[in-house]
Amino acid sequence: MRAKREYRDRAETEVAVLDALVDRADDGMTIFELRAEAGVDIDELEEALATLKEDGLIDVDAGASETVIKPDERVVPEIPTDDADEQSIGDWLRERMPF
């Protein structure tokens, strides 16, 4: 699942983090899981997390054994989308051309 469209105009690493967190919105993810999912180095991840936290788009739960990061509820789409509602150029052409 992907983060809502209004949160996709951010830096590539921030969007990758939000998308990963939205996929696991209920459980959240540790920093190590996020790093593996986003495929970025720790410095890029740290910068992205700081920006997202500052903007209020993530919630950080520092538990006794590990820190778990979850997306803010406004980032998570209400209905899971696979972008089926966004029509591709090919689909648009197929509807309009008689072939």
PDB file of N, CA and C in Angstrom:
ATOM      1  N   MET A   1       0.846  -1.158   0.000  1.00  0.00           N
ATOM      2  CA  MET A   1       0.000   0.000   0.000  1.00  0.00           C
ATOM      3  C   MET A   1       0.903   1.236   0.000  1.00  0.00           C
ATOM      4  N   ARG A   2       0.394   2.309  -0.530  1.00  0.00           N
ATOM      5  CA  ARG A   2       1.174   3.531  -0.607  1.00  0.00           C
ATOM      6  C   ARG A   2       0.546   4.617   0.253  1.00  0.00           C
ATOM      7  N   ALA A   3       1.375   5.555   0.672  1.00  0.00           N
ATOM      8  CA  ALA A   3       0.878   6.694   1.438  1.00  0.00           C
ATOM      9  C   ALA A   3      -0.064   7.519   0.573  1.00  0.00           C
ATOM     10  N   LYS A   4      -0.901   8.301   1.206  1.00  0.00           N
ATOM     11  CA  LYS A   4      -1.835   9.144   0.469  1.00  0.00           C
ATOM     12  C   LYS A   4      -1.096  10.043  -0.507  1.00  0.00           C
ATOM     13  N   ARG A   5      -1.763  10.378  -1.568  1.00  0.00           N
ATOM     14  CA  ARG A   5      -1.176  11.167  -2.649  1.00  0.00           C
ATOM     15  C   ARG A   5      -0.616  12.507  -2.165  1.00  0.00           C
ATOM     16  N   GLU A   6      -1.279  13.163  -1.232  1.00  0.00           N
ATOM     17  CA  GLU A   6      -0.829  14.475  -0.786  1.00  0.00           C
ATOM     18  C   GLU A   6       0.496  14.435  -0.022  1.00  0.00           C
ATOM     19  N   TYR A   7       0.949  13.238   0.338  1.00  0.00           N
ATOM     20  CA  TYR A   7       2.228  13.096   1.048  1.00  0.00           C
ATOM     21  C   TYR A   7       3.319  12.508   0.156  1.00  0.00           C
ATOM     22  N   ARG A   8       3.082  12.437  -1.141  1.00  0.00           N
ATOM     23  CA  ARG A   8       4.032  11.819  -2.055  1.00  0.00           C
ATOM     24  C   ARG A   8       4.943  12.825  -2.752  1.00  0.00           C
ATOM     25  N   ASP A   9       4.768  14.115  -2.479  1.00  0.00           N
ATOM     26  CA  ASP A   9       5.599  15.121  -3.117  1.00  0.00           C
ATOM     27  C   ASP A   9       6.777  15.518  -2.233  1.00  0.00           C
ATOM     28  N   ARG A  10       7.309  14.552  -1.541  1.00  0.00           N
ATOM     29  CA  ARG A  10       8.426  14.756  -0.631  1.00  0.00           C
ATOM     30  C   ARG A  10       9.677  14.113  -1.227  1.00  0.00           C
ATOM     31  N   ALA A  11      10.769  14.200  -0.498  1.00  0.00           N
ATOM     32  CA  ALA A  11      12.022  13.577  -0.945  1.00  0.00           C
ATOM     33  C   ALA A  11      11.821  12.070  -1.106  1.00  0.00           C
ATOM     34  N   GLU A  12      12.586  11.472  -2.005  1.00  0.00           N
ATOM     35  CA  GLU A  12      12.436  10.049  -2.334  1.00  0.00           C
ATOM     36  C   GLU A  12      12.545   9.149  -1.100  1.00  0.00           C
ATOM     37  N   THR A  13      13.497   9.433  -0.235  1.00  0.00           N
ATOM     38  CA  THR A  13      13.672   8.615   0.964  1.00  0.00           C
ATOM     39  C   THR A  13      12.482   8.761   1.897  1.00  0.00           C
ATOM     40  N   GLU A  14      11.958   9.960   2.040  1.00  0.00           N
ATOM     41  CA  GLU A  14      10.797  10.175   2.898  1.00  0.00           C
ATOM     42  C   GLU A  14       9.590   9.410   2.378  1.00  0.00           C
ATOM     43  N   VAL A  15       9.381   9.420   1.084  1.00  0.00           N
ATOM     44  CA  VAL A  15       8.256   8.678   0.489  1.00  0.00           C
ATOM     45  C   VAL A  15       8.452   7.180   0.681  1.00  0.00           C
ATOM     46  N   ALA A  16       9.676   6.699   0.512  1.00  0.00           N
ATOM     47  CA  ALA A  16       9.952   5.268   0.712  1.00  0.00           C
ATOM     48  C   ALA A  16       9.668   4.864   2.161  1.00  0.00           C
ATOM     49  N   VAL A  17      10.031   5.706   3.099  1.00  0.00           N
ATOM     50  CA  VAL A  17       9.768   5.429   4.517  1.00  0.00           C
ATOM     51  C   VAL A  17       8.264   5.420   4.779  1.00  0.00           C
ATOM     52  N   LEU A  18       7.555   6.424   4.279  1.00  0.00           N
ATOM     53  CA  LEU A  18       6.107   6.473   4.490  1.00  0.00           C
ATOM     54  C   LEU A  18       5.408   5.260   3.880  1.00  0.00           C
ATOM     55  N   ASP A  19       5.805   4.882   2.668  1.00  0.00           N
ATOM     56  CA  ASP A  19       5.200   3.712   2.022  1.00  0.00           C
ATOM     57  C   ASP A  19       5.446   2.445   2.840  1.00  0.00           C
ATOM     58  N   ALA A  20       6.661   2.274   3.325  1.00  0.00           N
ATOM     59  CA  ALA A  20       6.981   1.092   4.136  1.00  0.00           C
ATOM     60  C   ALA A  20       6.161   1.078   5.422  1.00  0.00           C
ATOM     61  N   LEU A  21       6.023   2.238   6.042  1.00  0.00           N
ATOM     62  CA  LEU A  21       5.259   2.313   7.286  1.00  0.00           C
ATOM     63  C   LEU A  21       3.769   2.083   7.060  1.00  0.00           C
ATOM     64  N   VAL A  22       3.242   2.574   5.957  1.00  0.00           N
ATOM     65  CA  VAL A  22       1.827   2.374   5.648  1.00  0.00           C
ATOM     66  C   VAL A  22       1.537   0.884   5.453  1.00  0.00           C
ATOM     67  N   ASP A  23       2.487   0.161   4.868  1.00  0.00           N
ATOM     68  CA  ASP A  23       2.320  -1.285   4.688  1.00  0.00           C
ATOM     69  C   ASP A  23       2.193  -2.012   6.018  1.00  0.00           C
ATOM     70  N   ARG A  24       2.835  -1.469   7.032  1.00  0.00           N
ATOM     71  CA  ARG A  24       2.798  -2.109   8.362  1.00  0.00           C
ATOM     72  C   ARG A  24       2.281  -1.135   9.409  1.00  0.00           C
ATOM     73  N   ALA A  25       1.207  -0.446   9.085  1.00  0.00           N
ATOM     74  CA  ALA A  25       0.671   0.614   9.937  1.00  0.00           C
ATOM     75  C   ALA A  25       0.285   0.123  11.329  1.00  0.00           C
ATOM     76  N   ASP A  26      -0.252  -1.075  11.431  1.00  0.00           N
ATOM     77  CA  ASP A  26      -0.699  -1.575  12.731  1.00  0.00           C
ATOM     78  C   ASP A  26       0.454  -1.949  13.645  1.00  0.00           C
ATOM     79  N   ASP A  27       1.466  -2.608  13.090  1.00  0.00           N
ATOM     80  CA  ASP A  27       2.579  -3.091  13.906  1.00  0.00           C
ATOM     81  C   ASP A  27       3.709  -2.078  14.034  1.00  0.00           C
ATOM     82  N   GLY A  28       3.881  -1.247  13.021  1.00  0.00           N
ATOM     83  CA  GLY A  28       5.011  -0.333  13.012  1.00  0.00           C
ATOM     84  C   GLY A  28       6.280  -1.054  12.598  1.00  0.00           C
ATOM     85  N   MET A  29       7.369  -0.323  12.526  1.00  0.00           N
ATOM     86  CA  MET A  29       8.644  -0.906  12.111  1.00  0.00           C
ATOM     87  C   MET A  29       9.766  -0.334  12.965  1.00  0.00           C
ATOM     88  N   THR A  30      10.801  -1.141  13.134  1.00  0.00           N
ATOM     89  CA  THR A  30      11.996  -0.651  13.803  1.00  0.00           C
ATOM     90  C   THR A  30      12.867   0.086  12.784  1.00  0.00           C
ATOM     91  N   ILE A  31      13.858   0.773  13.264  1.00  0.00           N
ATOM     92  CA  ILE A  31      14.767   1.500  12.377  1.00  0.00           C
ATOM     93  C   ILE A  31      15.486   0.530  11.446  1.00  0.00           C
ATOM     94  N   PHE A  32      15.859  -0.625  11.950  1.00  0.00           N
ATOM     95  CA  PHE A  32      16.553  -1.611  11.119  1.00  0.00           C
ATOM     96  C   PHE A  32      15.645  -2.134  10.002  1.00  0.00           C
ATOM     97  N   GLU A  33      14.379  -2.384  10.328  1.00  0.00           N
ATOM     98  CA  GLU A  33      13.429  -2.829   9.311  1.00  0.00           C
ATOM     99  C   GLU A  33      13.203  -1.750   8.256  1.00  0.00           C
ATOM    100  N   LEU A  34      13.089  -0.505   8.711  1.00  0.00           N
ATOM    101  CA  LEU A  34      12.915   0.609   7.776  1.00  0.00           C
ATOM    102  C   LEU A  34      14.118   0.771   6.858  1.00  0.00           C
ATOM    103  N   ARG A  35      15.291   0.636   7.434  1.00  0.00           N
ATOM    104  CA  ARG A  35      16.508   0.776   6.629  1.00  0.00           C
ATOM    105  C   ARG A  35      16.568  -0.299   5.553  1.00  0.00           C
ATOM    106  N   ALA A  36      16.220  -1.515   5.914  1.00  0.00           N
ATOM    107  CA  ALA A  36      16.228  -2.605   4.941  1.00  0.00           C
ATOM    108  C   ALA A  36      15.154  -2.398   3.868  1.00  0.00           C
ATOM    109  N   GLU A  37      13.992  -1.944   4.263  1.00  0.00           N
ATOM    110  CA  GLU A  37      12.888  -1.754   3.326  1.00  0.00           C
ATOM    111  C   GLU A  37      13.140  -0.586   2.375  1.00  0.00           C
ATOM    112  N   ALA A  38      13.645   0.515   2.903  1.00  0.00           N
ATOM    113  CA  ALA A  38      13.867   1.704   2.083  1.00  0.00           C
ATOM    114  C   ALA A  38      15.137   1.591   1.240  1.00  0.00           C
ATOM    115  N   GLY A  39      16.084   0.770   1.669  1.00  0.00           N
ATOM    116  CA  GLY A  39      17.312   0.570   0.908  1.00  0.00           C
ATOM    117  C   GLY A  39      18.212   1.796   0.870  1.00  0.00           C
ATOM    118  N   VAL A  40      18.285   2.509   1.985  1.00  0.00           N
ATOM    119  CA  VAL A  40      19.126   3.705   2.066  1.00  0.00           C
ATOM    120  C   VAL A  40      20.103   3.556   3.221  1.00  0.00           C
ATOM    121  N   ASP A  41      21.142   4.405   3.215  1.00  0.00           N
ATOM    122  CA  ASP A  41      22.088   4.330   4.329  1.00  0.00           C
ATOM    123  C   ASP A  41      21.490   5.004   5.557  1.00  0.00           C
ATOM    124  N   ILE A  42      22.106   4.780   6.678  1.00  0.00           N
ATOM    125  CA  ILE A  42      21.557   5.219   7.964  1.00  0.00           C
ATOM    126  C   ILE A  42      21.457   6.741   8.055  1.00  0.00           C
ATOM    127  N   ASP A  43      22.394   7.463   7.432  1.00  0.00           N
ATOM    128  CA  ASP A  43      22.349   8.929   7.477  1.00  0.00           C
ATOM    129  C   ASP A  43      21.129   9.476   6.736  1.00  0.00           C
ATOM    130  N   GLU A  44      20.854   8.920   5.559  1.00  0.00           N
ATOM    131  CA  GLU A  44      19.671   9.338   4.794  1.00  0.00           C
ATOM    132  C   GLU A  44      18.395   9.012   5.561  1.00  0.00           C
ATOM    133  N   LEU A  45      18.368   7.828   6.168  1.00  0.00           N
ATOM    134  CA  LEU A  45      17.196   7.411   6.926  1.00  0.00           C
ATOM    135  C   LEU A  45      16.986   8.325   8.125  1.00  0.00           C
ATOM    136  N   GLU A  46      18.065   8.643   8.822  1.00  0.00           N
ATOM    137  CA  GLU A  46      17.972   9.510   9.994  1.00  0.00           C
ATOM    138  C   GLU A  46      17.436  10.894   9.613  1.00  0.00           C
ATOM    139  N   GLU A  47      17.917  11.419   8.505  1.00  0.00           N
ATOM    140  CA  GLU A  47      17.459  12.727   8.039  1.00  0.00           C
ATOM    141  C   GLU A  47      15.976  12.686   7.660  1.00  0.00           C
ATOM    142  N   ALA A  48      15.572  11.631   6.952  1.00  0.00           N
ATOM    143  CA  ALA A  48      14.168  11.485   6.554  1.00  0.00           C
ATOM    144  C   ALA A  48      13.261  11.344   7.767  1.00  0.00           C
ATOM    145  N   LEU A  49      13.671  10.533   8.732  1.00  0.00           N
ATOM    146  CA  LEU A  49      12.864  10.344   9.942  1.00  0.00           C
ATOM    147  C   LEU A  49      12.737  11.643  10.729  1.00  0.00           C
ATOM    148  N   ALA A  50      13.807  12.411  10.806  1.00  0.00           N
ATOM    149  CA  ALA A  50      13.767  13.686  11.521  1.00  0.00           C
ATOM    150  C   ALA A  50      12.780  14.643  10.860  1.00  0.00           C
ATOM    151  N   THR A  51      12.820  14.703   9.540  1.00  0.00           N
ATOM    152  CA  THR A  51      11.910  15.587   8.809  1.00  0.00           C
ATOM    153  C   THR A  51      10.463  15.136   8.967  1.00  0.00           C
ATOM    154  N   LEU A  52      10.220  13.828   8.837  1.00  0.00           N
ATOM    155  CA  LEU A  52       8.865  13.306   8.974  1.00  0.00           C
ATOM    156  C   LEU A  52       8.321  13.512  10.387  1.00  0.00           C
ATOM    157  N   LYS A  53       9.169  13.348  11.380  1.00  0.00           N
ATOM    158  CA  LYS A  53       8.766  13.559  12.774  1.00  0.00           C
ATOM    159  C   LYS A  53       8.439  15.027  12.997  1.00  0.00           C
ATOM    160  N   GLU A  54       9.285  15.905  12.468  1.00  0.00           N
ATOM    161  CA  GLU A  54       9.076  17.347  12.605  1.00  0.00           C
ATOM    162  C   GLU A  54       7.756  17.785  11.966  1.00  0.00           C
ATOM    163  N   ASP A  55       7.405  17.149  10.844  1.00  0.00           N
ATOM    164  CA  ASP A  55       6.170  17.473  10.136  1.00  0.00           C
ATOM    165  C   ASP A  55       4.954  16.742  10.706  1.00  0.00           C
ATOM    166  N   GLY A  56       5.164  15.908  11.721  1.00  0.00           N
ATOM    167  CA  GLY A  56       4.059  15.205  12.363  1.00  0.00           C
ATOM    168  C   GLY A  56       3.483  14.068  11.557  1.00  0.00           C
ATOM    169  N   LEU A  57       4.279  13.476  10.658  1.00  0.00           N
ATOM    170  CA  LEU A  57       3.781  12.404   9.799  1.00  0.00           C
ATOM    171  C   LEU A  57       4.092  11.007  10.321  1.00  0.00           C
ATOM    172  N   ILE A  58       4.909  10.920  11.364  1.00  0.00           N
ATOM    173  CA  ILE A  58       5.201   9.630  11.982  1.00  0.00           C
ATOM    174  C   ILE A  58       5.079   9.763  13.492  1.00  0.00           C
ATOM    175  N   ASP A  59       4.814   8.638  14.139  1.00  0.00           N
ATOM    176  CA  ASP A  59       4.773   8.549  15.589  1.00  0.00           C
ATOM    177  C   ASP A  59       5.859   7.595  16.024  1.00  0.00           C
ATOM    178  N   VAL A  60       6.633   7.988  17.023  1.00  0.00           N
ATOM    179  CA  VAL A  60       7.730   7.167  17.516  1.00  0.00           C
ATOM    180  C   VAL A  60       7.383   6.695  18.915  1.00  0.00           C
ATOM    181  N   ASP A  61       7.395   5.370  19.095  1.00  0.00           N
ATOM    182  CA  ASP A  61       7.102   4.762  20.386  1.00  0.00           C
ATOM    183  C   ASP A  61       8.380   4.109  20.901  1.00  0.00           C
ATOM    184  N   ALA A  62       9.031   4.779  21.840  1.00  0.00           N
ATOM    185  CA  ALA A  62      10.274   4.262  22.406  1.00  0.00           C
ATOM    186  C   ALA A  62       9.932   3.345  23.573  1.00  0.00           C
ATOM    187  N   GLY A  63       9.805   2.069  23.262  1.00  0.00           N
ATOM    188  CA  GLY A  63       9.498   1.078  24.285  1.00  0.00           C
ATOM    189  C   GLY A  63      10.744   0.685  25.070  1.00  0.00           C
ATOM    190  N   ALA A  64      10.566  -0.243  25.980  1.00  0.00           N
ATOM    191  CA  ALA A  64      11.675  -0.672  26.826  1.00  0.00           C
ATOM    192  C   ALA A  64      12.739  -1.425  26.035  1.00  0.00           C
ATOM    193  N   SER A  65      12.311  -2.245  25.071  1.00  0.00           N
ATOM    194  CA  SER A  65      13.283  -3.069  24.356  1.00  0.00           C
ATOM    195  C   SER A  65      13.657  -2.528  22.976  1.00  0.00           C
ATOM    196  N   GLU A  66      12.722  -1.820  22.315  1.00  0.00           N
ATOM    197  CA  GLU A  66      13.014  -1.302  20.984  1.00  0.00           C
ATOM    198  C   GLU A  66      12.132  -0.109  20.659  1.00  0.00           C
ATOM    199  N   THR A  67      12.581   0.674  19.713  1.00  0.00           N
ATOM    200  CA  THR A  67      11.822   1.825  19.247  1.00  0.00           C
ATOM    201  C   THR A  67      11.039   1.421  18.011  1.00  0.00           C
ATOM    202  N   VAL A  68       9.735   1.669  18.034  1.00  0.00           N
ATOM    203  CA  VAL A  68       8.858   1.316  16.918  1.00  0.00           C
ATOM    204  C   VAL A  68       8.302   2.608  16.321  1.00  0.00           C
ATOM    205  N   ILE A  69       8.357   2.689  15.002  1.00  0.00           N
ATOM    206  CA  ILE A  69       7.891   3.867  14.287  1.00  0.00           C
ATOM    207  C   ILE A  69       6.641   3.491  13.509  1.00  0.00           C
ATOM    208  N   LYS A  70       5.611   4.333  13.623  1.00  0.00           N
ATOM    209  CA  LYS A  70       4.346   4.104  12.918  1.00  0.00           C
ATOM    210  C   LYS A  70       3.977   5.367  12.149  1.00  0.00           C
ATOM    211  N   PRO A  71       3.220   5.207  11.072  1.00  0.00           N
ATOM    212  CA  PRO A  71       2.773   6.398  10.343  1.00  0.00           C
ATOM    213  C   PRO A  71       1.638   7.085  11.097  1.00  0.00           C
ATOM    214  N   ASP A  72       1.544   8.382  10.973  1.00  0.00           N
ATOM    215  CA  ASP A  72       0.406   9.098  11.521  1.00  0.00           C
ATOM    216  C   ASP A  72      -0.836   8.640  10.757  1.00  0.00           C
ATOM    217  N   GLU A  73      -1.973   8.599  11.417  1.00  0.00           N
ATOM    218  CA  GLU A  73      -3.184   8.056  10.787  1.00  0.00           C
ATOM    219  C   GLU A  73      -3.627   8.838   9.554  1.00  0.00           C
ATOM    220  N   ARG A  74      -3.258  10.104   9.454  1.00  0.00           N
ATOM    221  CA  ARG A  74      -3.674  10.879   8.276  1.00  0.00           C
ATOM    222  C   ARG A  74      -2.903  10.508   7.012  1.00  0.00           C
ATOM    223  N   VAL A  75      -1.783   9.783   7.161  1.00  0.00           N
ATOM    224  CA  VAL A  75      -0.969   9.359   6.023  1.00  0.00           C
ATOM    225  C   VAL A  75      -1.509   8.070   5.411  1.00  0.00           C
ATOM    226  N   VAL A  76      -2.184   7.264   6.213  1.00  0.00           N
ATOM    227  CA  VAL A  76      -2.674   5.952   5.779  1.00  0.00           C
ATOM    228  C   VAL A  76      -3.990   6.112   5.024  1.00  0.00           C
ATOM    229  N   PRO A  77      -4.071   5.594   3.789  1.00  0.00           N
ATOM    230  CA  PRO A  77      -5.325   5.669   3.038  1.00  0.00           C
ATOM    231  C   PRO A  77      -6.415   4.852   3.721  1.00  0.00           C
ATOM    232  N   GLU A  78      -7.660   5.312   3.584  1.00  0.00           N
ATOM    233  CA  GLU A  78      -8.791   4.605   4.194  1.00  0.00           C
ATOM    234  C   GLU A  78      -9.006   3.259   3.531  1.00  0.00           C
ATOM    235  N   ILE A  79      -8.924   3.224   2.215  1.00  0.00           N
ATOM    236  CA  ILE A  79      -9.135   2.004   1.451  1.00  0.00           C
ATOM    237  C   ILE A  79      -7.818   1.638   0.792  1.00  0.00           C
ATOM    238  N   PRO A  80      -7.353   0.401   0.959  1.00  0.00           N
ATOM    239  CA  PRO A  80      -6.116   0.021   0.273  1.00  0.00           C
ATOM    240  C   PRO A  80      -6.255   0.215  -1.226  1.00  0.00           C
ATOM    241  N   THR A  81      -5.275   0.893  -1.802  1.00  0.00           N
ATOM    242  CA  THR A  81      -5.305   1.119  -3.244  1.00  0.00           C
ATOM    243  C   THR A  81      -4.090   0.495  -3.892  1.00  0.00           C
ATOM    244  N   ASP A  82      -4.296   0.002  -5.070  1.00  0.00           N
ATOM    245  CA  ASP A  82      -3.185  -0.499  -5.862  1.00  0.00           C
ATOM    246  C   ASP A  82      -3.069   0.360  -7.118  1.00  0.00           C
ATOM    247  N   ASP A  83      -3.536   1.617  -6.981  1.00  0.00           N
ATOM    248  CA  ASP A  83      -3.523   2.579  -8.073  1.00  0.00           C
ATOM    249  C   ASP A  83      -4.439   2.158  -9.225  1.00  0.00           C
ATOM    250  N   ALA A  84      -5.439   1.333  -8.922  1.00  0.00           N
ATOM    251  CA  ALA A  84      -6.382   0.913  -9.949  1.00  0.00           C
ATOM    252  C   ALA A  84      -7.258   2.077 -10.389  1.00  0.00           C
ATOM    253  N   ASP A  85      -7.435   3.057  -9.497  1.00  0.00           N
ATOM    254  CA  ASP A  85      -8.271   4.189  -9.862  1.00  0.00           C
ATOM    255  C   ASP A  85      -7.537   5.180 -10.761  1.00  0.00           C
ATOM    256  N   GLU A  86      -6.220   5.074 -10.840  1.00  0.00           N
ATOM    257  CA  GLU A  86      -5.447   5.927 -11.731  1.00  0.00           C
ATOM    258  C   GLU A  86      -5.294   5.210 -13.065  1.00  0.00           C
ATOM    259  N   GLN A  87      -5.810   5.821 -14.097  1.00  0.00           N
ATOM    260  CA  GLN A  87      -5.799   5.200 -15.412  1.00  0.00           C
ATOM    261  C   GLN A  87      -4.470   5.473 -16.109  1.00  0.00           C
ATOM    262  N   SER A  88      -3.875   4.432 -16.653  1.00  0.00           N
ATOM    263  CA  SER A  88      -2.629   4.602 -17.385  1.00  0.00           C
ATOM    264  C   SER A  88      -2.917   5.189 -18.766  1.00  0.00           C
ATOM    265  N   ILE A  89      -1.883   5.692 -19.405  1.00  0.00           N
ATOM    266  CA  ILE A  89      -2.024   6.253 -20.745  1.00  0.00           C
ATOM    267  C   ILE A  89      -2.477   5.170 -21.724  1.00  0.00           C
ATOM    268  N   GLY A  90      -1.919   3.975 -21.570  1.00  0.00           N
ATOM    269  CA  GLY A  90      -2.307   2.862 -22.443  1.00  0.00           C
ATOM    270  C   GLY A  90      -3.782   2.528 -22.320  1.00  0.00           C
ATOM    271  N   ASP A  91      -4.294   2.491 -21.083  1.00  0.00           N
ATOM    272  CA  ASP A  91      -5.714   2.217 -20.868  1.00  0.00           C
ATOM    273  C   ASP A  91      -6.583   3.320 -21.471  1.00  0.00           C
ATOM    274  N   TRP A  92      -6.147   4.557 -21.294  1.00  0.00           N
ATOM    275  CA  TRP A  92      -6.888   5.695 -21.834  1.00  0.00           C
ATOM    276  C   TRP A  92      -6.971   5.602 -23.358  1.00  0.00           C
ATOM    277  N   LEU A  93      -5.841   5.254 -23.991  1.00  0.00           N
ATOM    278  CA  LEU A  93      -5.819   5.117 -25.455  1.00  0.00           C
ATOM    279  C   LEU A  93      -6.692   3.957 -25.926  1.00  0.00           C
ATOM    280  N   ARG A  94      -6.646   2.815 -25.219  1.00  0.00           N
ATOM    281  CA  ARG A  94      -7.446   1.648 -25.591  1.00  0.00           C
ATOM    282  C   ARG A  94      -8.943   1.962 -25.561  1.00  0.00           C
ATOM    283  N   GLU A  95      -9.363   2.778 -24.596  1.00  0.00           N
ATOM    284  CA  GLU A  95     -10.775   3.132 -24.503  1.00  0.00           C
ATOM    285  C   GLU A  95     -11.216   4.015 -25.678  1.00  0.00           C
ATOM    286  N   ARG A  96     -10.312   4.802 -26.178  1.00  0.00           N
ATOM    287  CA  ARG A  96     -10.673   5.783 -27.202  1.00  0.00           C
ATOM    288  C   ARG A  96     -10.357   5.361 -28.622  1.00  0.00           C
ATOM    289  N   MET A  97      -9.483   4.399 -28.788  1.00  0.00           N
ATOM    290  CA  MET A  97      -9.113   3.934 -30.123  1.00  0.00           C
ATOM    291  C   MET A  97      -9.836   2.626 -30.435  1.00  0.00           C
ATOM    292  N   PRO A  98     -10.279   2.446 -31.660  1.00  0.00           N
ATOM    293  CA  PRO A  98     -11.037   1.245 -32.016  1.00  0.00           C
ATOM    294  C   PRO A  98     -10.148   0.050 -32.379  1.00  0.00           C
ATOM    295  N   PHE A  99      -9.270  -0.362 -31.501  1.00  0.00           N
ATOM    296  CA  PHE A  99      -8.456  -1.540 -31.784  1.00  0.00           C
ATOM    297  C   PHE A  99      -8.296  -2.409 -30.594  1.00  0.00           C
TER     298      PHE A  99
END
